[in-house]
Amino acid sequence: MEGSQKSNIGLKVGLGILLVLFLGTAFYASKLYSDGKETEKELISEKEQVMNDLSNMAKQYDEAIAASEVKDQELIEARERIQGLMDSLKVSQNSVNSLWRYKKKFLALQEEMDELLAENDRLKVENEYLATSLDSTQVQLAERTVFTDSLLVQNTELANVVEDAAALQTVGLKGMGVIERRSGRQIPTERARRSDKIKVCFTVAKNTLTEAGDKELYVQVIDPKNNVLGANNQVQFEDQVLNYSLISRFNYENRNLNICEYISQPEDSDFEKGRYQVNVFNDKELISTSEFTLK
């Protein structure tokens, strides 16, 4: 009887121990399950945070690439690495080891981005400075071009002024009929029938700007019937043709020079009565004109 009681007591103690172990195991399992859920929740939260950080990095790269006039290949390649990491993270397991590897890659990419964006900002500042310098240089070049063009215009105008100032000029142009004696003596006359020749006299004015040497002027005498007397030859000046009576050739020494030229009477006829016009040309330029009348 006594032995049976001891056996019952031992059984009860064993069952009590088993119950305690069972309850402890159940509590521990419950605690592990709860801790696992909490850990998974934290891992998911951290994974989402890493994904957001990567997304923000991608946006920064997109802005830097869009702002760059010349596409930077290093920025583009770094942006592609971030996209690859994001794609990989989406399908990764929610484990501590996996998340830690992605965090390490994220930190490395963060450091790379800081360096690349700092370099990109430095290049932007340099490009802006170069653009400003280029604009300033272009403005200066444009101003210099305008100034040079102005000088060319002034020089051209000055050259034209000097050229015009250096041209030969005549003064005191006169035309008249003359009677020529056998002795060579000449007597002025206003009678057309008595005139043996037409005498044209003028003074080549002193001009220190004109180069000394042999010169020539064209003399044109037009009778009352609008005929050119004398040789009536032609000379071409670009688009202008000049009919002249004679060429007056002389040696010019930069001082006043008196010149007289003669046009003989037309063959087998007298000079016409009426108004005569006398013109002197320096090349194609009319430099002197006068009139006289034979009765």
Protein backbone atom coordinates (compact mmCIF):
# COMPACT_ATOMS: atom_id res chain seq x y z
CA MET A 1 0.00 0.00 0.00
CA GLU A 2 2.81 2.20 0.90
CA GLY A 3 4.62 1.34 -2.33
CA SER A 4 1.55 2.16 -4.36
CA GLN A 5 1.27 5.58 -2.80
CA LYS A 6 4.93 6.34 -3.54
CA SER A 7 4.37 5.29 -7.14
CA ASN A 8 1.41 7.65 -7.48
CA ILE A 9 3.34 10.49 -6.00
CA GLY A 10 6.23 9.93 -8.45
CA LEU A 11 3.81 9.81 -11.36
CA LYS A 12 2.23 13.08 -10.32
CA VAL A 13 5.64 14.70 -9.95
CA GLY A 14 6.64 13.47 -13.41
CA LEU A 15 3.44 14.73 -14.94
CA GLY A 16 3.96 18.07 -13.23
CA ILE A 17 7.47 18.32 -14.63
CA LEU A 18 6.22 17.41 -18.10
CA LEU A 19 3.49 20.02 -17.81
CA VAL A 20 5.98 22.66 -16.77
CA LEU A 21 8.29 21.68 -19.65
CA PHE A 22 5.37 21.77 -22.08
CA LEU A 23 4.23 25.16 -20.90
CA GLY A 24 7.78 26.47 -21.02
CA THR A 25 8.28 25.13 -24.52
CA ALA A 26 4.99 26.58 -25.66
CA PHE A 27 5.86 29.94 -24.17
CA TYR A 28 9.32 29.84 -25.74
CA ALA A 29 7.90 28.89 -29.12
CA SER A 30 5.34 31.62 -28.85
CA LYS A 31 8.10 34.05 -27.91
CA LEU A 32 10.22 32.92 -30.88
CA TYR A 33 7.26 33.26 -33.23
CA SER A 34 6.49 36.74 -31.91
CA ASP A 35 10.15 37.75 -32.13
CA GLY A 36 10.33 36.37 -35.67
CA LYS A 37 7.32 38.35 -36.76
CA GLU A 38 8.75 41.49 -35.21
CA THR A 39 12.12 40.85 -36.86
CA GLU A 40 10.47 40.28 -40.25
CA LYS A 41 8.49 43.46 -39.82
CA GLU A 42 11.67 45.40 -39.02
CA LEU A 43 13.48 43.81 -42.00
CA ILE A 44 10.63 44.77 -44.33
CA SER A 45 10.66 48.31 -42.96
CA GLU A 46 14.43 48.61 -43.36
CA LYS A 47 14.20 47.12 -46.87
CA GLU A 48 11.62 49.75 -47.81
CA GLN A 49 13.87 52.45 -46.35
CA VAL A 50 16.83 51.26 -48.41
CA MET A 51 14.58 51.16 -51.49
CA ASN A 52 13.44 54.74 -50.83
CA ASP A 53 17.02 55.88 -50.34
CA LEU A 54 18.03 54.24 -53.62
CA SER A 55 15.04 55.85 -55.35
CA ASN A 56 16.07 59.29 -54.05
CA MET A 57 19.63 58.68 -55.28
CA ALA A 58 18.26 57.75 -58.70
CA LYS A 59 16.26 60.99 -58.82
CA GLN A 60 19.37 63.02 -57.96
CA TYR A 61 21.24 61.35 -60.79
CA ASP A 62 18.32 61.97 -63.18
CA GLU A 63 18.36 65.69 -62.28
CA ALA A 64 22.14 65.91 -62.70
CA ILE A 65 22.02 64.14 -66.07
CA ALA A 66 19.13 66.32 -67.30
CA ALA A 67 20.93 69.51 -66.24
CA SER A 68 24.12 68.50 -68.04
CA GLU A 69 24.35 69.83 -71.62
CA VAL A 70 26.94 67.17 -72.43
CA LYS A 71 25.83 63.78 -71.11
CA ASP A 72 28.34 62.50 -68.50
CA GLN A 73 28.90 58.79 -69.06
CA GLU A 74 29.99 58.26 -65.44
CA LEU A 75 26.69 59.68 -64.17
CA ILE A 76 24.72 57.49 -66.55
CA GLU A 77 26.62 54.34 -65.54
CA ALA A 78 26.18 55.11 -61.81
CA ARG A 79 22.43 55.63 -62.40
CA GLU A 80 22.28 52.23 -64.08
CA ARG A 81 24.05 50.58 -61.13
CA ILE A 82 21.46 52.02 -58.74
CA GLN A 83 18.61 50.76 -60.91
CA GLY A 84 20.19 47.29 -60.96
CA LEU A 85 20.50 47.28 -57.18
CA MET A 86 16.85 48.35 -56.81
CA ASP A 87 15.69 45.59 -59.14
CA SER A 88 17.73 43.03 -57.19
CA LEU A 89 16.48 44.29 -53.81
CA LYS A 90 12.84 43.92 -54.89
CA VAL A 91 13.20 40.16 -55.32
CA SER A 92 15.63 39.55 -52.43
CA GLN A 93 14.76 37.54 -49.29
CA ASN A 94 13.90 39.38 -46.09
CA SER A 95 16.96 38.21 -44.18
CA VAL A 96 19.45 40.03 -42.03
CA ASN A 97 22.42 38.91 -44.12
CA SER A 98 20.73 39.85 -47.39
CA LEU A 99 19.68 43.27 -46.13
CA TRP A 100 23.12 43.94 -44.71
CA ARG A 101 24.73 43.24 -48.10
CA TYR A 102 22.37 45.70 -49.76
CA LYS A 103 23.07 48.31 -47.11
CA LYS A 104 26.80 47.96 -47.74
CA LYS A 105 26.24 48.38 -51.49
CA PHE A 106 23.96 51.35 -50.80
CA LEU A 107 26.61 53.05 -48.64
CA ALA A 108 29.23 52.49 -51.35
CA LEU A 109 26.91 53.96 -53.98
CA GLN A 110 26.12 56.88 -51.66
CA GLU A 111 29.83 57.68 -51.37
CA GLU A 112 30.27 57.35 -55.14
CA MET A 113 27.28 59.64 -55.76
CA ASP A 114 28.61 62.31 -53.41
CA GLU A 115 31.92 62.35 -55.31
CA LEU A 116 30.32 62.30 -58.77
CA LEU A 117 27.80 65.03 -57.99
CA ALA A 118 30.47 67.20 -56.36
CA GLU A 119 32.62 66.79 -59.46
CA ASN A 120 29.59 67.51 -61.67
CA ASP A 121 28.84 70.70 -59.72
CA ARG A 122 32.48 71.77 -60.04
CA LEU A 123 32.36 71.19 -63.79
CA LYS A 124 29.09 73.15 -64.04
CA VAL A 125 30.69 76.10 -62.26
CA GLU A 126 33.70 75.91 -64.58
CA ASN A 127 31.44 75.65 -67.64
CA GLU A 128 29.40 78.65 -66.49
CA TYR A 129 32.63 80.60 -65.98
CA LEU A 130 33.87 79.54 -69.40
CA ALA A 131 30.51 80.45 -70.96
CA THR A 132 30.64 83.87 -69.28
CA SER A 133 34.23 84.34 -70.43
CA LEU A 134 33.26 83.23 -73.94
CA ASP A 135 30.34 85.68 -74.01
CA SER A 136 32.65 88.44 -72.82
CA THR A 137 35.22 87.47 -75.44
CA GLN A 138 32.54 87.42 -78.15
CA VAL A 139 31.33 90.85 -77.06
CA GLN A 140 34.88 92.19 -77.12
CA LEU A 141 35.46 90.55 -80.51
CA ALA A 142 32.23 92.05 -81.85
CA GLU A 143 33.23 95.48 -80.52
CA ARG A 144 36.69 95.10 -82.03
CA THR A 145 35.16 93.99 -85.33
CA VAL A 146 32.90 97.04 -85.34
CA PHE A 147 35.89 99.23 -84.48
CA THR A 148 37.99 97.59 -87.22
CA ASP A 149 35.18 98.00 -89.75
CA SER A 150 34.86 101.63 -88.71
CA LEU A 151 38.59 102.12 -89.21
CA LEU A 152 38.38 100.46 -92.62
CA VAL A 153 35.53 102.75 -93.60
CA GLN A 154 37.43 105.77 -92.31
CA ASN A 155 40.61 104.66 -94.06
CA THR A 156 38.71 104.07 -97.29
CA GLU A 157 37.05 107.45 -97.02
CA LEU A 158 40.38 109.06 -96.20
CA ALA A 159 42.03 107.30 -99.15
CA ASN A 160 39.24 108.56 -101.39
CA VAL A 161 39.68 112.07 -100.00
CA VAL A 162 43.43 111.92 -100.56
CA GLU A 163 42.92 110.51 -104.04
CA ASP A 164 40.45 113.25 -104.89
CA ALA A 165 42.71 115.89 -103.38
CA ALA A 166 45.69 114.57 -105.37
CA ALA A 167 43.83 114.76 -108.70
CA LEU A 168 44.97 117.40 -111.20
CA GLN A 169 42.77 120.48 -111.42
CA THR A 170 42.66 123.24 -114.03
CA VAL A 171 41.68 126.87 -113.71
CA GLY A 172 41.22 129.78 -116.12
CA LEU A 173 39.94 127.67 -118.99
CA LYS A 174 39.36 129.79 -122.09
CA GLY A 175 38.58 129.09 -125.72
CA MET A 176 38.83 131.54 -128.67
CA GLY A 177 39.32 131.83 -132.38
CA VAL A 178 42.75 133.01 -133.62
CA ILE A 179 44.19 134.30 -136.87
CA GLU A 180 47.62 132.83 -137.46
CA ARG A 181 50.13 134.94 -139.47
CA ARG A 182 52.98 133.46 -141.49
CA SER A 183 55.38 134.78 -138.86
CA GLY A 184 53.60 132.63 -136.29
CA ARG A 185 51.99 135.58 -134.62
CA GLN A 186 48.46 134.90 -133.40
CA ILE A 187 45.63 137.44 -133.32
CA PRO A 188 42.47 136.65 -131.31
CA THR A 189 39.22 137.01 -133.27
CA GLU A 190 35.53 136.45 -132.73
CA ARG A 191 34.89 135.97 -136.45
CA ALA A 192 34.26 132.37 -137.45
CA ARG A 193 35.27 132.91 -141.10
CA ARG A 194 38.55 134.61 -140.15
CA SER A 195 39.57 132.03 -137.52
CA ASP A 196 42.38 129.73 -138.61
CA LYS A 197 42.43 127.77 -135.38
CA ILE A 198 40.66 127.48 -132.06
CA LYS A 199 42.96 128.14 -129.17
CA VAL A 200 42.27 126.51 -125.79
CA CYS A 201 44.29 127.72 -122.79
CA PHE A 202 44.18 126.71 -119.11
CA THR A 203 46.39 126.56 -116.04
CA VAL A 204 47.14 123.26 -114.32
CA ALA A 205 46.94 124.26 -110.67
CA LYS A 206 49.72 123.63 -108.14
CA ASN A 207 49.06 120.54 -106.03
CA THR A 208 51.70 119.15 -103.65
CA LEU A 209 49.72 115.93 -103.20
CA THR A 210 50.02 115.05 -106.88
CA GLU A 211 53.01 112.96 -107.90
CA ALA A 212 55.29 114.87 -110.30
CA GLY A 213 55.94 113.51 -113.77
CA ASP A 214 54.39 113.11 -117.20
CA LYS A 215 50.64 113.75 -117.20
CA GLU A 216 47.84 114.01 -119.72
CA LEU A 217 44.41 115.59 -119.91
CA TYR A 218 41.66 115.18 -122.50
CA VAL A 219 40.43 118.35 -124.22
CA GLN A 220 37.02 118.34 -125.84
CA VAL A 221 35.73 121.16 -128.08
CA ILE A 222 32.11 120.96 -129.23
CA ASP A 223 30.89 123.25 -132.06
CA PRO A 224 27.41 124.83 -132.38
CA LYS A 225 26.16 121.75 -134.26
CA ASN A 226 27.25 119.48 -131.37
CA ASN A 227 30.18 118.03 -133.29
CA VAL A 228 33.41 117.18 -131.50
CA LEU A 229 36.17 119.02 -133.36
CA GLY A 230 39.78 117.92 -133.80
CA ALA A 231 40.76 114.25 -133.73
CA ASN A 232 37.35 113.18 -132.40
CA ASN A 233 38.81 109.96 -131.03
CA GLN A 234 37.30 107.78 -128.30
CA VAL A 235 38.61 106.43 -125.01
CA GLN A 236 36.82 103.82 -122.85
CA PHE A 237 36.52 104.22 -119.06
CA GLU A 238 34.67 101.18 -117.65
CA ASP A 239 31.08 101.87 -118.76
CA GLN A 240 31.78 105.39 -120.05
CA VAL A 241 33.02 106.41 -123.49
CA LEU A 242 34.63 109.82 -124.00
CA ASN A 243 35.02 111.53 -127.37
CA TYR A 244 37.91 113.99 -127.25
CA SER A 245 39.42 116.57 -129.58
CA LEU A 246 43.03 116.16 -128.44
CA ILE A 247 45.22 114.86 -125.60
CA SER A 248 47.22 117.52 -123.80
CA ARG A 249 50.50 115.94 -122.60
CA PHE A 250 52.90 117.75 -120.27
CA ASN A 251 55.47 117.29 -117.50
CA TYR A 252 54.07 118.30 -114.13
CA GLU A 253 56.39 119.60 -111.40
CA ASN A 254 53.89 120.39 -108.61
CA ARG A 255 53.53 124.03 -109.53
CA ASN A 256 51.21 126.14 -111.69
CA LEU A 257 51.66 125.27 -115.34
CA ASN A 258 50.13 127.33 -118.20
CA ILE A 259 49.11 125.29 -121.22
CA CYS A 260 47.63 126.21 -124.62
CA GLU A 261 46.42 123.73 -127.22
CA TYR A 262 45.16 124.32 -130.80
CA ILE A 263 42.51 122.78 -133.00
CA SER A 264 42.84 123.39 -136.73
CA GLN A 265 40.07 124.53 -139.03
CA PRO A 266 37.99 121.72 -140.59
CA GLU A 267 39.19 120.81 -144.10
CA ASP A 268 37.62 122.84 -146.93
CA SER A 269 35.28 124.70 -144.58
CA ASP A 270 35.17 127.50 -142.01
CA PHE A 271 34.32 127.23 -138.34
CA GLU A 272 30.62 127.37 -137.64
CA LYS A 273 29.09 130.51 -136.23
CA GLY A 274 27.63 130.19 -132.76
CA ARG A 275 28.43 128.99 -129.25
CA TYR A 276 31.32 126.61 -128.61
CA GLN A 277 31.80 124.52 -125.46
CA VAL A 278 35.24 123.58 -124.17
CA ASN A 279 35.70 120.73 -121.61
CA VAL A 280 38.81 119.35 -119.93
CA PHE A 281 38.79 115.82 -118.48
CA ASN A 282 41.16 114.11 -116.09
CA ASP A 283 40.50 110.54 -117.18
CA LYS A 284 36.69 110.35 -117.11
CA GLU A 285 36.24 113.19 -114.60
CA LEU A 286 35.21 116.59 -115.97
CA ILE A 287 37.46 119.10 -114.16
CA SER A 288 36.84 122.28 -116.11
CA THR A 289 34.37 123.71 -118.63
CA SER A 290 33.97 127.01 -120.52
CA GLU A 291 32.17 128.59 -123.47
CA PHE A 292 32.95 131.12 -126.19
CA THR A 293 31.16 132.44 -129.27
CA LEU A 294 32.24 132.93 -132.88
CA LYS A 295 30.21 135.31 -135.00
